[in-house]
């Protein structure tokens, strides 16, 4: 077999390589973020504004999402829209205009969601101001940008609108009155909400690990874990049925001098309520409520109703405290009220509670609220009397002025 050998340098290979490299650069610079045009972003923002208005109207409120100029910046996969003067307004009582909450920020970035086709991501780097009825309430600032994803998701099983908030490393809350509260946690926790436009079913979840809340004076609250799940679905009869589960572990408070014991809280609620706009007729079931430390456990369960024609809930709940002395000695009960509360627990239980207490809370519709066999009013009056009896008398005022040359106060 005759072999053919080409002499000289293979110039064609580097030329083809340069063409591929140039084409790749052009693709990255101009096609990496397809769909980011001023018209496309404006359509996405308009859809979001319509969604906010519809969601608010469904619960008897008004919702407005407004914004200013939209500018396209960046190249390639860094291409994004800059939206100025962003404002979200929710009016709880549209007729009077009361209960008006506003969140506003000077600018946010908007880009397509690469995970959910058709979705958008809002990126907040600037501070967010919160106002109530026109008065400043607080300002939120972030250690790194906060991201919010909004997407209309279609699957074979269902269609739903998905909201996901990706929190930064820490969030600083500055109340209008001053002082800063810093909230931090491990990792990048997310808060998710799925809403079905067809059925109005909702599914929300959140999960935080090693949550830390530090106030301006150095007081710190730490939480080992905080997670929750909310599920809500309209029934065939038009009522709304749902459940709400919250779990909190290893809650402790710290200041310069000491640290409290760790406490845990578990709550499992169910509810069945009328649809918005109908007469109030709601049921709330306490499937489980457990507040505990390593020394005591307080448990509760029961059911209450809220109905038109009665300003207060009515129903019954069982409360069980497995170690009353340890509960009273905990940091949850201020020292000044421990003795009056111990007496109140004995009265409600109907006998001295050396260690264990079972108490029933009950109220008939339009009736009197009872704690055990004692009315709430009489029990509160007895506690108040005990407080006044056991409180130390105020000391007589002292003359702290320096003595005069004659030895008498001025």
Protein backbone atom coordinates (compact mmCIF):
# COMPACT_ATOMS: atom_id res chain seq x y z
CA UNK A 1 0.00 0.00 0.00
CA UNK A 2 1.31 3.40 -0.93
CA UNK A 3 1.33 6.01 1.86
CA UNK A 4 0.72 9.64 0.96
CA UNK A 5 2.36 12.22 3.20
CA UNK A 6 1.54 15.92 3.09
CA UNK A 7 4.60 18.06 3.54
CA UNK A 8 4.60 21.47 5.26
CA UNK A 9 2.66 22.98 8.24
CA UNK A 10 -1.05 22.15 8.64
CA UNK A 11 -2.23 25.78 8.53
CA UNK A 12 -5.91 24.88 8.23
CA UNK A 13 -6.21 23.51 11.79
CA UNK A 14 -5.30 26.72 13.68
CA UNK A 15 -7.51 28.76 11.34
CA UNK A 16 -10.52 26.53 12.10
CA UNK A 17 -9.69 26.74 15.81
CA UNK A 18 -9.65 30.54 15.71
CA UNK A 19 -13.02 30.59 13.92
CA UNK A 20 -14.57 28.30 16.57
CA UNK A 21 -13.11 30.43 19.37
CA UNK A 22 -14.42 33.65 17.83
CA UNK A 23 -17.86 32.11 17.30
CA UNK A 24 -17.93 30.97 20.94
CA UNK A 25 -17.08 34.47 22.14
CA UNK A 26 -19.80 35.98 19.97
CA UNK A 27 -22.31 33.40 21.28
CA UNK A 28 -21.44 34.14 24.92
CA UNK A 29 -21.51 37.90 24.48
CA UNK A 30 -24.70 38.20 22.48
CA UNK A 31 -26.71 34.98 22.93
CA UNK A 32 -25.85 33.90 26.46
CA UNK A 33 -28.90 35.55 27.98
CA UNK A 34 -31.49 35.19 25.30
CA UNK A 35 -34.80 36.90 25.97
CA UNK A 36 -33.35 39.86 27.83
CA UNK A 37 -34.79 42.71 25.84
CA UNK A 38 -36.55 45.78 27.10
CA UNK A 39 -39.84 44.59 25.60
CA UNK A 40 -39.46 41.07 27.00
CA UNK A 41 -38.65 42.26 30.53
CA UNK A 42 -41.51 44.76 30.42
CA UNK A 43 -43.92 41.95 29.50
CA UNK A 44 -42.65 39.84 32.41
CA UNK A 45 -43.08 42.75 34.83
CA UNK A 46 -46.60 43.44 33.53
CA UNK A 47 -47.55 39.78 34.05
CA UNK A 48 -46.17 39.91 37.59
CA UNK A 49 -48.13 43.12 38.31
CA UNK A 50 -51.33 41.47 37.08
CA UNK A 51 -50.62 38.44 39.26
CA UNK A 52 -50.11 40.62 42.36
CA UNK A 53 -53.41 42.43 41.72
CA UNK A 54 -55.33 39.17 41.20
CA UNK A 55 -53.85 37.49 44.29
CA UNK A 56 -54.69 40.48 46.48
CA UNK A 57 -58.22 40.73 45.10
CA UNK A 58 -58.78 37.05 45.88
CA UNK A 59 -58.32 37.80 49.58
CA UNK A 60 -60.33 41.04 49.61
CA UNK A 61 -57.30 43.34 49.33
CA UNK A 62 -55.77 45.62 46.74
CA UNK A 63 -52.32 44.89 45.34
CA UNK A 64 -50.19 47.18 43.15
CA UNK A 65 -46.76 46.51 41.69
CA UNK A 66 -45.25 49.51 39.91
CA UNK A 67 -41.83 50.45 38.56
CA UNK A 68 -39.98 53.11 36.62
CA UNK A 69 -37.50 52.92 33.75
CA UNK A 70 -36.18 49.58 32.41
CA UNK A 71 -32.59 49.57 31.07
CA UNK A 72 -30.67 46.63 29.59
CA UNK A 73 -27.05 46.30 30.68
CA UNK A 74 -24.19 43.80 30.47
CA UNK A 75 -23.12 41.26 27.88
CA UNK A 76 -23.45 37.52 27.53
CA UNK A 77 -24.53 35.64 30.60
CA UNK A 78 -24.13 38.84 32.61
CA UNK A 79 -26.80 40.55 30.54
CA UNK A 80 -29.65 41.80 32.72
CA UNK A 81 -32.27 44.48 33.12
CA UNK A 82 -32.05 47.27 35.67
CA UNK A 83 -35.50 48.34 36.87
CA UNK A 84 -35.77 51.58 38.84
CA UNK A 85 -38.25 52.87 41.43
CA UNK A 86 -39.74 49.48 42.33
CA UNK A 87 -42.82 49.60 44.58
CA UNK A 88 -45.10 46.89 45.98
CA UNK A 89 -48.25 48.09 47.75
CA UNK A 90 -50.88 46.00 49.58
CA UNK A 91 -54.03 47.67 50.91
CA UNK A 92 -55.85 45.58 53.50
CA UNK A 93 -59.03 47.68 53.54
CA UNK A 94 -59.59 49.08 50.04
CA UNK A 95 -62.73 51.10 50.89
CA UNK A 96 -61.09 53.20 53.59
CA UNK A 97 -57.52 52.87 52.33
CA UNK A 98 -56.39 51.70 55.78
CA UNK A 99 -53.90 48.96 56.56
CA UNK A 100 -51.68 50.06 53.67
CA UNK A 101 -48.24 48.43 53.47
CA UNK A 102 -45.57 49.47 50.98
CA UNK A 103 -42.18 47.98 50.14
CA UNK A 104 -39.97 50.08 47.91
CA UNK A 105 -36.39 50.02 46.61
CA UNK A 106 -34.46 52.35 44.29
CA UNK A 107 -33.57 49.60 41.80
CA UNK A 108 -33.51 45.86 41.21
CA UNK A 109 -32.00 43.57 38.57
CA UNK A 110 -34.19 41.28 36.48
CA UNK A 111 -33.06 38.28 34.44
CA UNK A 112 -34.62 35.08 33.07
CA UNK A 113 -34.73 32.08 35.40
CA UNK A 114 -32.43 29.47 33.88
CA UNK A 115 -34.03 26.71 35.98
CA UNK A 116 -37.71 27.47 35.25
CA UNK A 117 -38.35 28.33 31.57
CA UNK A 118 -40.44 31.47 31.28
CA UNK A 119 -39.68 32.51 34.83
CA UNK A 120 -37.81 35.59 35.99
CA UNK A 121 -35.44 36.32 38.87
CA UNK A 122 -35.53 39.61 40.76
CA UNK A 123 -32.23 40.53 42.41
CA UNK A 124 -32.24 43.02 45.28
CA UNK A 125 -28.92 44.65 46.17
CA UNK A 126 -30.24 48.04 47.31
CA UNK A 127 -32.00 48.53 50.67
CA UNK A 128 -35.74 47.84 50.83
CA UNK A 129 -37.87 50.33 52.80
CA UNK A 130 -41.09 49.23 54.53
CA UNK A 131 -43.90 51.73 55.24
CA UNK A 132 -47.20 51.34 57.07
CA UNK A 133 -49.96 53.82 56.19
CA UNK A 134 -47.33 56.21 54.85
CA UNK A 135 -45.09 56.03 57.93
CA UNK A 136 -41.62 54.42 57.75
CA UNK A 137 -41.48 51.19 59.73
CA UNK A 138 -38.15 49.57 58.87
CA UNK A 139 -35.38 49.16 56.32
CA UNK A 140 -33.95 45.86 55.10
CA UNK A 141 -30.35 45.62 53.93
CA UNK A 142 -28.51 42.51 52.75
CA UNK A 143 -24.95 41.20 53.09
CA UNK A 144 -25.21 40.02 49.48
CA UNK A 145 -28.04 40.25 46.94
CA UNK A 146 -31.37 38.69 47.84
CA UNK A 147 -32.90 36.76 44.94
CA UNK A 148 -36.57 36.08 44.28
CA UNK A 149 -37.70 33.67 41.57
CA UNK A 150 -41.18 33.88 40.06
CA UNK A 151 -42.25 31.23 37.54
CA UNK A 152 -45.45 29.85 36.01
CA UNK A 153 -44.73 26.10 35.98
CA UNK A 154 -46.62 23.58 33.86
CA UNK A 155 -46.22 19.85 34.48
CA UNK A 156 -48.24 16.84 33.40
CA UNK A 157 -49.80 16.69 36.85
CA UNK A 158 -50.63 20.33 37.44
CA UNK A 159 -49.96 23.99 36.76
CA UNK A 160 -48.77 26.25 39.56
CA UNK A 161 -47.01 29.54 40.17
CA UNK A 162 -43.79 29.02 42.12
CA UNK A 163 -42.21 31.68 44.32
CA UNK A 164 -38.76 31.05 45.82
CA UNK A 165 -36.76 33.49 47.94
CA UNK A 166 -33.02 32.78 48.12
CA UNK A 167 -31.78 34.55 51.22
CA UNK A 168 -28.29 36.09 51.48
CA UNK A 169 -25.83 35.28 54.26
CA UNK A 170 -27.46 37.78 56.60
CA UNK A 171 -30.28 40.32 56.67
CA UNK A 172 -30.14 43.56 58.65
CA UNK A 173 -33.44 45.00 59.89
CA UNK A 174 -33.33 48.64 60.98
CA UNK A 175 -36.55 49.82 62.67
CA UNK A 176 -37.63 53.42 62.09
CA UNK A 177 -36.87 54.16 65.73
CA UNK A 178 -33.23 53.13 65.38
CA UNK A 179 -31.11 50.14 66.30
CA UNK A 180 -30.18 47.25 64.03
CA UNK A 181 -31.31 43.63 64.24
CA UNK A 182 -29.04 41.22 62.36
CA UNK A 183 -30.44 37.87 61.22
CA UNK A 184 -28.04 35.20 59.99
CA UNK A 185 -28.05 31.43 59.41
CA UNK A 186 -26.06 28.61 57.87
CA UNK A 187 -26.02 28.03 54.12
CA UNK A 188 -28.47 29.67 51.73
CA UNK A 189 -31.95 28.94 53.09
CA UNK A 190 -34.95 29.21 50.80
CA UNK A 191 -38.57 30.10 51.36
CA UNK A 192 -40.88 28.46 48.80
CA UNK A 193 -44.54 29.03 47.94
CA UNK A 194 -46.48 27.18 45.22
CA UNK A 195 -49.92 28.49 44.24
CA UNK A 196 -52.31 26.78 41.85
CA UNK A 197 -54.14 29.41 39.72
CA UNK A 198 -56.84 26.86 38.84
CA UNK A 199 -57.73 25.63 42.37
CA UNK A 200 -56.02 28.28 44.54
CA UNK A 201 -54.30 25.48 46.45
CA UNK A 202 -51.13 26.57 48.27
CA UNK A 203 -48.03 24.80 49.50
CA UNK A 204 -45.32 26.71 51.36
CA UNK A 205 -42.17 25.55 53.11
CA UNK A 206 -39.08 27.00 54.80
CA UNK A 207 -36.07 25.59 56.61
CA UNK A 208 -33.36 27.41 58.60
CA UNK A 209 -30.34 25.96 60.39
CA UNK A 210 -28.38 27.66 63.16
CA UNK A 211 -30.46 30.80 63.05
CA UNK A 212 -28.99 33.78 64.93
CA UNK A 213 -30.78 37.02 65.76
CA UNK A 214 -28.65 39.77 67.32
CA UNK A 215 -30.12 43.07 68.54
CA UNK A 216 -28.37 46.43 68.79
CA UNK A 217 -27.66 46.00 72.52
CA UNK A 218 -25.88 42.68 71.96
CA UNK A 219 -28.73 40.42 73.08
CA UNK A 220 -28.74 37.29 70.92
CA UNK A 221 -31.28 34.58 70.21
CA UNK A 222 -30.05 31.33 68.70
CA UNK A 223 -32.16 28.58 67.16
CA UNK A 224 -30.79 25.18 66.20
CA UNK A 225 -33.40 24.67 63.50
CA UNK A 226 -36.60 26.33 62.34
CA UNK A 227 -38.78 24.70 59.70
CA UNK A 228 -42.38 24.85 58.63
CA UNK A 229 -44.91 23.62 56.10
CA UNK A 230 -48.23 25.18 55.14
CA UNK A 231 -50.71 23.36 52.88
CA UNK A 232 -54.08 24.78 51.88
CA UNK A 233 -56.68 23.51 49.43
CA UNK A 234 -60.26 24.55 48.65
CA UNK A 235 -62.81 21.77 49.18
CA UNK A 236 -65.72 20.87 46.92
CA UNK A 237 -68.12 22.81 49.16
CA UNK A 238 -66.11 26.01 48.66
CA UNK A 239 -64.54 25.98 52.11
CA UNK A 240 -60.77 26.17 52.53
CA UNK A 241 -59.02 23.36 54.40
CA UNK A 242 -55.40 23.52 55.44
CA UNK A 243 -52.65 22.55 57.84
CA UNK A 244 -49.76 24.45 59.35
CA UNK A 245 -46.77 22.72 60.92
CA UNK A 246 -43.92 24.52 62.68
CA UNK A 247 -40.91 22.98 64.40
CA UNK A 248 -38.33 24.96 66.39
CA UNK A 249 -35.45 23.41 68.32
CA UNK A 250 -32.77 24.66 70.72
CA UNK A 251 -34.03 28.20 71.23
CA UNK A 252 -31.81 30.07 73.69
CA UNK A 253 -31.28 33.72 74.63
CA UNK A 254 -27.87 35.20 75.38
CA UNK A 255 -26.74 38.49 76.84
CA UNK A 256 -23.51 39.75 78.32
CA UNK A 257 -24.10 37.93 81.62
CA UNK A 258 -25.81 34.64 80.98
CA UNK A 259 -27.43 32.16 78.61
CA UNK A 260 -30.84 30.60 79.07
CA UNK A 261 -31.63 26.94 78.79
CA UNK A 262 -32.58 25.60 75.37
CA UNK A 263 -36.29 25.29 74.56
CA UNK A 264 -38.17 23.59 71.74
CA UNK A 265 -41.58 24.23 70.20
CA UNK A 266 -43.67 22.03 67.92
CA UNK A 267 -47.04 23.19 66.53
CA UNK A 268 -49.43 21.27 64.29
CA UNK A 269 -52.62 23.12 63.38
CA UNK A 270 -55.49 22.29 61.07
CA UNK A 271 -58.15 24.72 59.88
CA UNK A 272 -61.38 24.73 57.94
CA UNK A 273 -62.70 28.15 56.96
CA UNK A 274 -65.12 29.86 54.65
CA UNK A 275 -63.85 31.28 51.38
CA UNK A 276 -62.96 35.01 51.38
CA UNK A 277 -66.02 37.23 51.11
CA UNK A 278 -68.38 34.83 52.89
CA UNK A 279 -69.67 35.09 56.45
CA UNK A 280 -67.05 34.23 59.04
CA UNK A 281 -67.41 30.59 60.09
CA UNK A 282 -64.01 29.06 60.77
CA UNK A 283 -62.69 26.07 62.71
CA UNK A 284 -59.13 25.79 64.07
CA UNK A 285 -57.89 22.47 65.43
CA UNK A 286 -54.80 22.29 67.64
CA UNK A 287 -53.59 18.81 66.75
CA UNK A 288 -50.45 19.28 68.78
CA UNK A 289 -48.65 22.04 70.63
CA UNK A 290 -45.58 21.10 72.64
CA UNK A 291 -43.31 23.54 74.48
CA UNK A 292 -40.44 21.80 76.24
CA UNK A 293 -37.01 21.96 77.80
CA UNK A 294 -34.92 19.21 79.38
CA UNK A 295 -36.84 19.81 82.65
CA UNK A 296 -40.52 20.14 81.68
CA UNK A 297 -43.03 19.67 78.88
CA UNK A 298 -46.21 21.64 78.24
CA UNK A 299 -48.68 20.07 75.80
CA UNK A 300 -52.00 21.27 74.40
CA UNK A 301 -54.65 20.14 71.95
CA UNK A 302 -58.20 21.17 71.19
CA UNK A 303 -60.55 22.92 68.79
CA UNK A 304 -61.92 26.45 68.56
CA UNK A 305 -64.47 28.08 66.31
CA UNK A 306 -64.88 31.61 65.03
CA UNK A 307 -68.35 32.57 63.86
CA UNK A 308 -70.26 35.66 62.88
CA UNK A 309 -72.15 37.11 65.83
CA UNK A 310 -69.49 36.28 68.42
CA UNK A 311 -66.46 38.53 68.81
CA UNK A 312 -64.37 35.82 70.55
CA UNK A 313 -63.40 32.24 69.65
CA UNK A 314 -65.30 29.45 71.41
CA UNK A 315 -64.50 25.78 71.96
CA UNK A 316 -62.22 23.79 74.27
CA UNK A 317 -58.57 22.85 74.68
CA UNK A 318 -56.68 20.56 77.05
CA UNK A 319 -53.42 21.81 78.58
CA UNK A 320 -51.01 19.44 80.31
CA UNK A 321 -47.88 20.43 82.26
CA UNK A 322 -45.82 17.42 83.34
CA UNK A 323 -43.56 19.27 85.82
CA UNK A 324 -45.16 22.45 87.13
CA UNK A 325 -42.30 23.49 89.48
CA UNK A 326 -39.72 23.26 86.69
CA UNK A 327 -42.00 25.15 84.30
CA UNK A 328 -42.45 27.93 86.86
CA UNK A 329 -38.69 28.03 87.51
CA UNK A 330 -37.86 28.39 83.81
CA UNK A 331 -36.77 31.62 82.16
CA UNK A 332 -40.11 31.66 80.33
CA UNK A 333 -41.85 32.76 83.52
CA UNK A 334 -40.68 36.06 85.04
CA UNK A 335 -39.71 35.67 88.68
CA UNK A 336 -42.22 38.30 89.80
CA UNK A 337 -45.19 36.27 88.53
CA UNK A 338 -44.09 32.77 89.54
CA UNK A 339 -45.94 32.69 92.86
CA UNK A 340 -49.19 34.22 91.51
CA UNK A 341 -49.07 31.89 88.47
CA UNK A 342 -48.51 28.84 90.71
CA UNK A 343 -51.59 29.80 92.71
CA UNK A 344 -53.58 30.32 89.49
CA UNK A 345 -52.59 26.88 88.18
CA UNK A 346 -53.74 25.30 91.46
CA UNK A 347 -57.10 27.10 91.24
CA UNK A 348 -57.59 26.12 87.59
CA UNK A 349 -56.62 22.48 88.21
CA UNK A 350 -58.97 22.34 91.21
CA UNK A 351 -56.28 21.00 93.56
CA UNK A 352 -52.67 21.62 94.58
CA UNK A 353 -50.36 20.66 91.72
CA UNK A 354 -47.18 19.35 93.29
CA UNK A 355 -45.87 18.18 89.94
CA UNK A 356 -48.48 17.50 87.27
CA UNK A 357 -51.37 19.68 86.06
CA UNK A 358 -54.25 19.04 83.65
CA UNK A 359 -56.35 22.09 82.80
CA UNK A 360 -59.27 22.50 80.40
CA UNK A 361 -59.83 25.85 78.68
CA UNK A 362 -63.40 26.22 77.44
CA UNK A 363 -65.91 28.75 76.26
CA UNK A 364 -69.42 28.30 74.85
CA UNK A 365 -70.60 30.51 72.01
CA UNK A 366 -71.30 34.01 73.37
CA UNK A 367 -70.45 32.60 76.80
CA UNK A 368 -67.92 32.99 79.58
CA UNK A 369 -64.33 31.86 79.25
CA UNK A 370 -63.36 29.24 81.85
CA UNK A 371 -59.92 28.05 82.91
CA UNK A 372 -60.73 24.76 84.57
CA UNK A 373 -63.84 25.50 86.68
CA UNK A 374 -62.81 29.10 87.31
CA UNK A 375 -63.80 32.01 85.10
CA UNK A 376 -60.97 33.78 83.37
CA UNK A 377 -62.03 37.10 84.91
CA UNK A 378 -61.88 35.80 88.49
CA UNK A 379 -58.59 34.02 87.86
CA UNK A 380 -57.04 37.17 86.39
CA UNK A 381 -58.31 39.22 89.35
CA UNK A 382 -56.80 36.71 91.80
CA UNK A 383 -53.45 36.82 89.99
CA UNK A 384 -53.48 40.61 90.03
CA UNK A 385 -54.22 40.61 93.77
CA UNK A 386 -51.37 38.17 94.37
CA UNK A 387 -49.03 40.32 92.32
CA UNK A 388 -49.90 43.41 94.34
CA UNK A 389 -49.49 41.48 97.60
CA UNK A 390 -46.11 39.95 96.77
CA UNK A 391 -44.60 42.96 94.98
CA UNK A 392 -42.02 44.80 97.10
CA UNK A 393 -43.11 48.22 98.26
CA UNK A 394 -41.40 51.12 96.57
CA UNK A 395 -38.58 52.47 98.66
CA UNK A 396 -38.96 55.96 100.10
CA UNK A 397 -37.19 58.57 97.98
CA UNK A 398 -33.76 59.53 99.14
CA UNK A 399 -32.16 62.96 99.27
CA UNK A 400 -29.04 62.47 97.19
CA UNK A 401 -28.12 66.13 97.10
CA UNK A 402 -24.84 67.09 98.78
CA UNK A 403 -25.14 68.44 102.31
CA UNK A 404 -25.12 72.17 102.80
CA UNK A 405 -22.37 73.82 104.90
CA UNK A 406 -24.84 73.89 107.79
CA UNK A 407 -25.40 70.15 107.54
CA UNK A 408 -28.94 70.42 106.13
CA UNK A 409 -30.05 69.51 102.69
CA UNK A 410 -30.68 72.34 100.26
